């Protein structure tokens, strides 16, 4: 009798844990779907805000912005382990100084890495430029292990993640909390798009995982019931 009660308690605890994991996956799906819907609305309307004005605030909402400025005399920042299709490479960022605004990172696009992982040469655009694009949060850092960047040479830093605090300290400059995802239509930079969920799971995958966790919860309870009936027989 005691064994049966303990087994049922264990099965119930396991089922509850599976349900909590399923609910967590559903919440992630809702959050990401809301983010995608908001970005879709911003890209559809493209009501341009001032890049300089937005850079001076800590507002982290998505926005379509435009403004003039220049790229700072700072090293190119190459975010490692970025996939584009089946190829692996780096995402290129540079520090941009808007006129009368706060410096921010601009995502210039993706470049492939050769087999020997030699970093590509990245030139700095000169002069005053007018940029437009999607103001967004920096790429998700995931599990922050080790240093945020490695200085390969004075002109190129290899990033393990986009840690704006660490970069601001290393570059000795104040950085806006958002990154400018450059308009792909501009004749500047490299291969790029405005996908806000690169290298991460889309909402439908989270929903599929939620179904699996809920299925495991049901299977656990059914198995416990079957085993209990067999012991009675």
C-alpha atoms as a PDB file:
ATOM      1  CA  UNK A   1       0.000   0.000   0.000  1.00  0.00           C
ATOM      2  CA  UNK A   2       2.778   2.412   0.937  1.00  0.00           C
ATOM      3  CA  UNK A   3       4.605   1.565  -2.282  1.00  0.00           C
ATOM      4  CA  UNK A   4       1.457   2.275  -4.326  1.00  0.00           C
ATOM      5  CA  UNK A   5       0.945   5.661  -2.663  1.00  0.00           C
ATOM      6  CA  UNK A   6       4.613   6.572  -3.161  1.00  0.00           C
ATOM      7  CA  UNK A   7       4.428   5.540  -6.823  1.00  0.00           C
ATOM      8  CA  UNK A   8       1.332   7.652  -7.386  1.00  0.00           C
ATOM      9  CA  UNK A   9       2.902  10.645  -5.661  1.00  0.00           C
ATOM     10  CA  UNK A  10       5.989  10.280  -7.850  1.00  0.00           C
ATOM     11  CA  UNK A  11       3.838   9.999 -11.002  1.00  0.00           C
ATOM     12  CA  UNK A  12       1.801  13.066 -10.044  1.00  0.00           C
ATOM     13  CA  UNK A  13       4.951  15.082  -9.313  1.00  0.00           C
ATOM     14  CA  UNK A  14       6.421  14.037 -12.657  1.00  0.00           C
ATOM     15  CA  UNK A  15       3.207  14.938 -14.498  1.00  0.00           C
ATOM     16  CA  UNK A  16       3.088  18.350 -12.811  1.00  0.00           C
ATOM     17  CA  UNK A  17       6.716  18.992 -13.788  1.00  0.00           C
ATOM     18  CA  UNK A  18       5.943  18.062 -17.411  1.00  0.00           C
ATOM     19  CA  UNK A  19       2.906  20.384 -17.396  1.00  0.00           C
ATOM     20  CA  UNK A  20       4.987  23.258 -16.032  1.00  0.00           C
ATOM     21  CA  UNK A  21       7.541  22.735 -18.799  1.00  0.00           C
ATOM     22  CA  UNK A  22       4.729  22.667 -21.354  1.00  0.00           C
ATOM     23  CA  UNK A  23       3.278  25.900 -20.005  1.00  0.00           C
ATOM     24  CA  UNK A  24       6.733  27.506 -20.124  1.00  0.00           C
ATOM     25  CA  UNK A  25       7.046  26.553 -23.783  1.00  0.00           C
ATOM     26  CA  UNK A  26       3.584  27.959 -24.509  1.00  0.00           C
ATOM     27  CA  UNK A  27       4.500  31.231 -22.799  1.00  0.00           C
ATOM     28  CA  UNK A  28       7.665  31.428 -24.912  1.00  0.00           C
ATOM     29  CA  UNK A  29       5.570  30.865 -28.036  1.00  0.00           C
ATOM     30  CA  UNK A  30       3.130  33.640 -27.060  1.00  0.00           C
ATOM     31  CA  UNK A  31       5.981  36.043 -26.281  1.00  0.00           C
ATOM     32  CA  UNK A  32       7.780  35.385 -29.570  1.00  0.00           C
ATOM     33  CA  UNK A  33       4.576  35.519 -31.612  1.00  0.00           C
ATOM     34  CA  UNK A  34       3.734  38.886 -30.057  1.00  0.00           C
ATOM     35  CA  UNK A  35       7.221  40.123 -30.895  1.00  0.00           C
ATOM     36  CA  UNK A  36       6.918  38.945 -34.507  1.00  0.00           C
ATOM     37  CA  UNK A  37       3.490  40.579 -34.864  1.00  0.00           C
ATOM     38  CA  UNK A  38       4.830  43.867 -33.494  1.00  0.00           C
ATOM     39  CA  UNK A  39       7.850  43.805 -35.831  1.00  0.00           C
ATOM     40  CA  UNK A  40       5.587  42.984 -38.789  1.00  0.00           C
ATOM     41  CA  UNK A  41       3.454  46.043 -37.988  1.00  0.00           C
ATOM     42  CA  UNK A  42       6.537  48.289 -37.705  1.00  0.00           C
ATOM     43  CA  UNK A  43       7.927  47.028 -41.020  1.00  0.00           C
ATOM     44  CA  UNK A  44       4.547  47.378 -42.708  1.00  0.00           C
ATOM     45  CA  UNK A  45       3.967  50.993 -41.638  1.00  0.00           C
ATOM     46  CA  UNK A  46       7.613  52.171 -41.583  1.00  0.00           C
ATOM     47  CA  UNK A  47       6.717  55.374 -39.764  1.00  0.00           C
ATOM     48  CA  UNK A  48      10.244  56.676 -39.449  1.00  0.00           C
ATOM     49  CA  UNK A  49      11.392  58.068 -36.112  1.00  0.00           C
ATOM     50  CA  UNK A  50      14.522  60.111 -35.503  1.00  0.00           C
ATOM     51  CA  UNK A  51      17.557  57.878 -34.994  1.00  0.00           C
ATOM     52  CA  UNK A  52      19.296  60.569 -32.938  1.00  0.00           C
ATOM     53  CA  UNK A  53      16.298  61.076 -30.642  1.00  0.00           C
ATOM     54  CA  UNK A  54      15.742  57.351 -30.071  1.00  0.00           C
ATOM     55  CA  UNK A  55      19.431  56.721 -29.435  1.00  0.00           C
ATOM     56  CA  UNK A  56      19.376  59.171 -26.534  1.00  0.00           C
ATOM     57  CA  UNK A  57      16.648  57.209 -24.726  1.00  0.00           C
ATOM     58  CA  UNK A  58      16.569  53.785 -23.087  1.00  0.00           C
ATOM     59  CA  UNK A  59      13.378  52.855 -24.962  1.00  0.00           C
ATOM     60  CA  UNK A  60      13.774  49.237 -26.119  1.00  0.00           C
ATOM     61  CA  UNK A  61      10.646  48.985 -28.271  1.00  0.00           C
ATOM     62  CA  UNK A  62      11.018  48.126 -31.951  1.00  0.00           C
ATOM     63  CA  UNK A  63      10.947  51.136 -34.262  1.00  0.00           C
ATOM     64  CA  UNK A  64      11.776  52.114 -37.815  1.00  0.00           C
ATOM     65  CA  UNK A  65      14.306  54.935 -37.656  1.00  0.00           C
ATOM     66  CA  UNK A  66      16.313  57.134 -39.982  1.00  0.00           C
ATOM     67  CA  UNK A  67      19.085  59.640 -39.429  1.00  0.00           C
ATOM     68  CA  UNK A  68      22.521  60.890 -40.391  1.00  0.00           C
ATOM     69  CA  UNK A  69      25.893  60.407 -38.752  1.00  0.00           C
ATOM     70  CA  UNK A  70      29.224  58.675 -39.238  1.00  0.00           C
ATOM     71  CA  UNK A  71      30.877  55.410 -38.317  1.00  0.00           C
ATOM     72  CA  UNK A  72      33.259  55.870 -35.408  1.00  0.00           C
ATOM     73  CA  UNK A  73      36.958  55.136 -35.646  1.00  0.00           C
ATOM     74  CA  UNK A  74      36.520  51.889 -33.703  1.00  0.00           C
ATOM     75  CA  UNK A  75      37.223  48.223 -34.480  1.00  0.00           C
ATOM     76  CA  UNK A  76      34.802  46.086 -36.446  1.00  0.00           C
ATOM     77  CA  UNK A  77      32.863  43.741 -34.145  1.00  0.00           C
ATOM     78  CA  UNK A  78      32.397  40.238 -35.575  1.00  0.00           C
ATOM     79  CA  UNK A  79      29.825  38.058 -33.810  1.00  0.00           C
ATOM     80  CA  UNK A  80      30.951  34.438 -34.100  1.00  0.00           C
ATOM     81  CA  UNK A  81      28.931  31.289 -34.933  1.00  0.00           C
ATOM     82  CA  UNK A  82      26.201  32.914 -37.031  1.00  0.00           C
ATOM     83  CA  UNK A  83      24.448  30.666 -39.526  1.00  0.00           C
ATOM     84  CA  UNK A  84      22.986  31.649 -42.873  1.00  0.00           C
ATOM     85  CA  UNK A  85      21.431  28.581 -44.419  1.00  0.00           C
ATOM     86  CA  UNK A  86      23.981  25.787 -44.070  1.00  0.00           C
ATOM     87  CA  UNK A  87      26.960  28.163 -43.956  1.00  0.00           C
ATOM     88  CA  UNK A  88      28.579  29.448 -40.785  1.00  0.00           C
ATOM     89  CA  UNK A  89      30.167  32.868 -40.490  1.00  0.00           C
ATOM     90  CA  UNK A  90      30.149  36.113 -38.557  1.00  0.00           C
ATOM     91  CA  UNK A  91      27.707  38.979 -38.211  1.00  0.00           C
ATOM     92  CA  UNK A  92      29.462  42.322 -38.667  1.00  0.00           C
ATOM     93  CA  UNK A  93      28.724  45.257 -36.371  1.00  0.00           C
ATOM     94  CA  UNK A  94      30.238  48.723 -36.243  1.00  0.00           C
ATOM     95  CA  UNK A  95      29.818  51.659 -33.903  1.00  0.00           C
ATOM     96  CA  UNK A  96      27.781  54.462 -35.487  1.00  0.00           C
ATOM     97  CA  UNK A  97      27.626  57.989 -34.097  1.00  0.00           C
ATOM     98  CA  UNK A  98      24.365  59.733 -35.056  1.00  0.00           C
ATOM     99  CA  UNK A  99      24.417  63.511 -35.354  1.00  0.00           C
ATOM    100  CA  UNK A 100      23.397  64.865 -31.924  1.00  0.00           C
ATOM    101  CA  UNK A 101      22.711  61.354 -30.657  1.00  0.00           C
ATOM    102  CA  UNK A 102      24.233  58.531 -28.639  1.00  0.00           C
ATOM    103  CA  UNK A 103      26.509  55.975 -30.270  1.00  0.00           C
ATOM    104  CA  UNK A 104      24.977  52.613 -31.129  1.00  0.00           C
ATOM    105  CA  UNK A 105      25.885  49.406 -32.914  1.00  0.00           C
ATOM    106  CA  UNK A 106      24.833  48.988 -36.538  1.00  0.00           C
ATOM    107  CA  UNK A 107      24.438  45.494 -37.935  1.00  0.00           C
ATOM    108  CA  UNK A 108      26.073  45.604 -41.363  1.00  0.00           C
ATOM    109  CA  UNK A 109      25.388  41.995 -42.339  1.00  0.00           C
ATOM    110  CA  UNK A 110      26.782  38.476 -42.510  1.00  0.00           C
ATOM    111  CA  UNK A 111      30.099  37.251 -43.919  1.00  0.00           C
ATOM    112  CA  UNK A 112      31.229  33.607 -44.272  1.00  0.00           C
ATOM    113  CA  UNK A 113      34.285  32.212 -42.527  1.00  0.00           C
ATOM    114  CA  UNK A 114      36.718  29.931 -44.401  1.00  0.00           C
ATOM    115  CA  UNK A 115      37.786  26.566 -43.032  1.00  0.00           C
ATOM    116  CA  UNK A 116      40.830  28.066 -41.316  1.00  0.00           C
ATOM    117  CA  UNK A 117      38.540  30.610 -39.559  1.00  0.00           C
ATOM    118  CA  UNK A 118      40.566  33.557 -40.814  1.00  0.00           C
ATOM    119  CA  UNK A 119      38.589  36.706 -40.016  1.00  0.00           C
ATOM    120  CA  UNK A 120      37.470  38.713 -43.064  1.00  0.00           C
ATOM    121  CA  UNK A 121      38.749  42.219 -43.699  1.00  0.00           C
ATOM    122  CA  UNK A 122      36.022  44.745 -42.960  1.00  0.00           C
ATOM    123  CA  UNK A 123      36.363  48.316 -44.213  1.00  0.00           C
ATOM    124  CA  UNK A 124      34.867  51.268 -42.359  1.00  0.00           C
ATOM    125  CA  UNK A 125      32.460  53.381 -44.453  1.00  0.00           C
ATOM    126  CA  UNK A 126      33.710  56.955 -44.580  1.00  0.00           C
ATOM    127  CA  UNK A 127      31.977  60.297 -44.384  1.00  0.00           C
ATOM    128  CA  UNK A 128      28.525  61.373 -43.312  1.00  0.00           C
ATOM    129  CA  UNK A 129      25.895  58.764 -44.113  1.00  0.00           C
ATOM    130  CA  UNK A 130      22.118  58.611 -43.893  1.00  0.00           C
ATOM    131  CA  UNK A 131      20.992  55.287 -42.451  1.00  0.00           C
ATOM    132  CA  UNK A 132      17.602  53.732 -41.941  1.00  0.00           C
ATOM    133  CA  UNK A 133      16.478  50.440 -40.526  1.00  0.00           C
ATOM    134  CA  UNK A 134      14.897  48.563 -37.658  1.00  0.00           C
ATOM    135  CA  UNK A 135      15.891  49.534 -34.136  1.00  0.00           C
ATOM    136  CA  UNK A 136      15.885  46.303 -32.138  1.00  0.00           C
ATOM    137  CA  UNK A 137      17.355  44.552 -29.130  1.00  0.00           C
ATOM    138  CA  UNK A 138      20.819  43.021 -29.599  1.00  0.00           C
ATOM    139  CA  UNK A 139      21.017  39.304 -30.445  1.00  0.00           C
ATOM    140  CA  UNK A 140      20.241  37.020 -27.533  1.00  0.00           C
ATOM    141  CA  UNK A 141      23.376  36.109 -25.613  1.00  0.00           C
ATOM    142  CA  UNK A 142      22.116  32.707 -24.401  1.00  0.00           C
ATOM    143  CA  UNK A 143      24.336  31.279 -21.674  1.00  0.00           C
ATOM    144  CA  UNK A 144      27.061  33.851 -21.013  1.00  0.00           C
ATOM    145  CA  UNK A 145      30.218  31.776 -20.684  1.00  0.00           C
ATOM    146  CA  UNK A 146      33.698  33.251 -20.875  1.00  0.00           C
ATOM    147  CA  UNK A 147      34.663  36.727 -22.087  1.00  0.00           C
ATOM    148  CA  UNK A 148      32.288  38.659 -24.324  1.00  0.00           C
ATOM    149  CA  UNK A 149      34.975  39.363 -26.927  1.00  0.00           C
ATOM    150  CA  UNK A 150      38.499  38.514 -27.998  1.00  0.00           C
ATOM    151  CA  UNK A 151      40.747  41.208 -29.466  1.00  0.00           C
ATOM    152  CA  UNK A 152      42.297  39.586 -32.544  1.00  0.00           C
ATOM    153  CA  UNK A 153      43.876  42.859 -33.727  1.00  0.00           C
ATOM    154  CA  UNK A 154      43.211  46.594 -33.265  1.00  0.00           C
ATOM    155  CA  UNK A 155      40.803  46.609 -36.216  1.00  0.00           C
ATOM    156  CA  UNK A 156      38.735  43.468 -35.521  1.00  0.00           C
ATOM    157  CA  UNK A 157      37.247  42.075 -32.333  1.00  0.00           C
ATOM    158  CA  UNK A 158      35.684  38.613 -32.326  1.00  0.00           C
ATOM    159  CA  UNK A 159      32.535  38.492 -30.198  1.00  0.00           C
ATOM    160  CA  UNK A 160      31.135  35.445 -28.438  1.00  0.00           C
ATOM    161  CA  UNK A 161      27.974  37.431 -27.689  1.00  0.00           C
ATOM    162  CA  UNK A 162      26.745  41.019 -27.941  1.00  0.00           C
ATOM    163  CA  UNK A 163      27.247  42.269 -24.388  1.00  0.00           C
ATOM    164  CA  UNK A 164      26.687  46.019 -24.679  1.00  0.00           C
ATOM    165  CA  UNK A 165      28.006  46.701 -21.183  1.00  0.00           C
ATOM    166  CA  UNK A 166      31.278  44.896 -21.809  1.00  0.00           C
ATOM    167  CA  UNK A 167      31.648  46.483 -25.245  1.00  0.00           C
ATOM    168  CA  UNK A 168      30.967  49.972 -23.911  1.00  0.00           C
ATOM    169  CA  UNK A 169      33.710  49.441 -21.331  1.00  0.00           C
ATOM    170  CA  UNK A 170      36.162  48.039 -23.884  1.00  0.00           C
ATOM    171  CA  UNK A 171      35.431  50.710 -26.463  1.00  0.00           C
ATOM    172  CA  UNK A 172      35.322  53.458 -23.819  1.00  0.00           C
ATOM    173  CA  UNK A 173      32.059  54.857 -25.163  1.00  0.00           C
ATOM    174  CA  UNK A 174      28.436  55.017 -24.075  1.00  0.00           C
ATOM    175  CA  UNK A 175      26.239  52.770 -26.197  1.00  0.00           C
ATOM    176  CA  UNK A 176      22.508  52.843 -26.820  1.00  0.00           C
ATOM    177  CA  UNK A 177      20.692  49.729 -25.505  1.00  0.00           C
ATOM    178  CA  UNK A 178      19.461  48.909 -29.002  1.00  0.00           C
ATOM    179  CA  UNK A 179      21.076  47.868 -32.278  1.00  0.00           C
ATOM    180  CA  UNK A 180      20.233  49.272 -35.708  1.00  0.00           C
ATOM    181  CA  UNK A 181      19.344  46.450 -38.114  1.00  0.00           C
ATOM    182  CA  UNK A 182      20.293  48.150 -41.359  1.00  0.00           C
ATOM    183  CA  UNK A 183      17.694  48.351 -44.138  1.00  0.00           C
ATOM    184  CA  UNK A 184      18.598  45.578 -46.632  1.00  0.00           C
ATOM    185  CA  UNK A 185      17.736  47.960 -49.486  1.00  0.00           C
ATOM    186  CA  UNK A 186      20.619  50.295 -48.611  1.00  0.00           C
ATOM    187  CA  UNK A 187      23.740  49.860 -50.806  1.00  0.00           C
ATOM    188  CA  UNK A 188      25.936  49.334 -47.770  1.00  0.00           C
ATOM    189  CA  UNK A 189      27.257  46.349 -45.850  1.00  0.00           C
ATOM    190  CA  UNK A 190      26.845  42.641 -46.521  1.00  0.00           C
ATOM    191  CA  UNK A 191      24.205  39.909 -46.707  1.00  0.00           C
ATOM    192  CA  UNK A 192      21.420  40.684 -44.265  1.00  0.00           C
ATOM    193  CA  UNK A 193      17.718  40.605 -43.544  1.00  0.00           C
ATOM    194  CA  UNK A 194      15.399  41.819 -40.792  1.00  0.00           C
ATOM    195  CA  UNK A 195      14.688  38.452 -39.198  1.00  0.00           C
ATOM    196  CA  UNK A 196      14.420  39.125 -35.454  1.00  0.00           C
ATOM    197  CA  UNK A 197      14.685  35.435 -34.510  1.00  0.00           C
ATOM    198  CA  UNK A 198      17.908  34.280 -36.177  1.00  0.00           C
ATOM    199  CA  UNK A 199      19.605  31.198 -34.735  1.00  0.00           C
ATOM    200  CA  UNK A 200      16.745  30.610 -32.302  1.00  0.00           C
ATOM    201  CA  UNK A 201      13.427  28.747 -32.107  1.00  0.00           C
ATOM    202  CA  UNK A 202      10.300  30.174 -33.796  1.00  0.00           C
ATOM    203  CA  UNK A 203       6.904  30.144 -31.996  1.00  0.00           C
ATOM    204  CA  UNK A 204       5.694  27.004 -33.776  1.00  0.00           C
ATOM    205  CA  UNK A 205       8.649  25.008 -32.447  1.00  0.00           C
ATOM    206  CA  UNK A 206       7.856  26.114 -28.892  1.00  0.00           C
ATOM    207  CA  UNK A 207       4.239  25.052 -29.393  1.00  0.00           C
ATOM    208  CA  UNK A 208       5.383  21.662 -30.689  1.00  0.00           C
ATOM    209  CA  UNK A 209       7.608  21.182 -27.638  1.00  0.00           C
ATOM    210  CA  UNK A 210       4.688  22.162 -25.384  1.00  0.00           C
ATOM    211  CA  UNK A 211       2.547  19.441 -26.956  1.00  0.00           C
ATOM    212  CA  UNK A 212       5.332  16.931 -26.300  1.00  0.00           C
ATOM    213  CA  UNK A 213       5.600  17.911 -22.618  1.00  0.00           C
ATOM    214  CA  UNK A 214       1.827  17.727 -22.129  1.00  0.00           C
ATOM    215  CA  UNK A 215       1.841  14.374 -23.918  1.00  0.00           C
ATOM    216  CA  UNK A 216       4.487  13.092 -21.514  1.00  0.00           C
ATOM    217  CA  UNK A 217       2.357  14.237 -18.572  1.00  0.00           C
ATOM    218  CA  UNK A 218      -0.637  12.309 -19.896  1.00  0.00           C
ATOM    219  CA  UNK A 219       1.512   9.246 -20.659  1.00  0.00           C
ATOM    220  CA  UNK A 220       2.916   9.299 -17.119  1.00  0.00           C
ATOM    221  CA  UNK A 221      -0.550   9.298 -15.536  1.00  0.00           C
ATOM    222  CA  UNK A 222      -1.847   6.607 -17.908  1.00  0.00           C
ATOM    223  CA  UNK A 223       1.178   4.416 -17.171  1.00  0.00           C
ATOM    224  CA  UNK A 224       0.693   4.854 -13.416  1.00  0.00           C
ATOM    225  CA  UNK A 225      -2.985   3.943 -13.755  1.00  0.00           C
ATOM    226  CA  UNK A 226      -2.257   0.836 -15.827  1.00  0.00           C
ATOM    227  CA  UNK A 227       0.434  -0.329 -13.403  1.00  0.00           C
ATOM    228  CA  UNK A 228      -1.898   0.243 -10.466  1.00  0.00           C
ATOM    229  CA  UNK A 229      -4.679  -1.820 -12.065  1.00  0.00           C
ATOM    230  CA  UNK A 230      -2.280  -4.644 -12.870  1.00  0.00           C
ATOM    231  CA  UNK A 231      -1.054  -4.792  -9.270  1.00  0.00           C
ATOM    232  CA  UNK A 232      -4.665  -5.073  -8.075  1.00  0.00           C
ATOM    233  CA  UNK A 233      -5.339  -7.937 -10.482  1.00  0.00           C
END
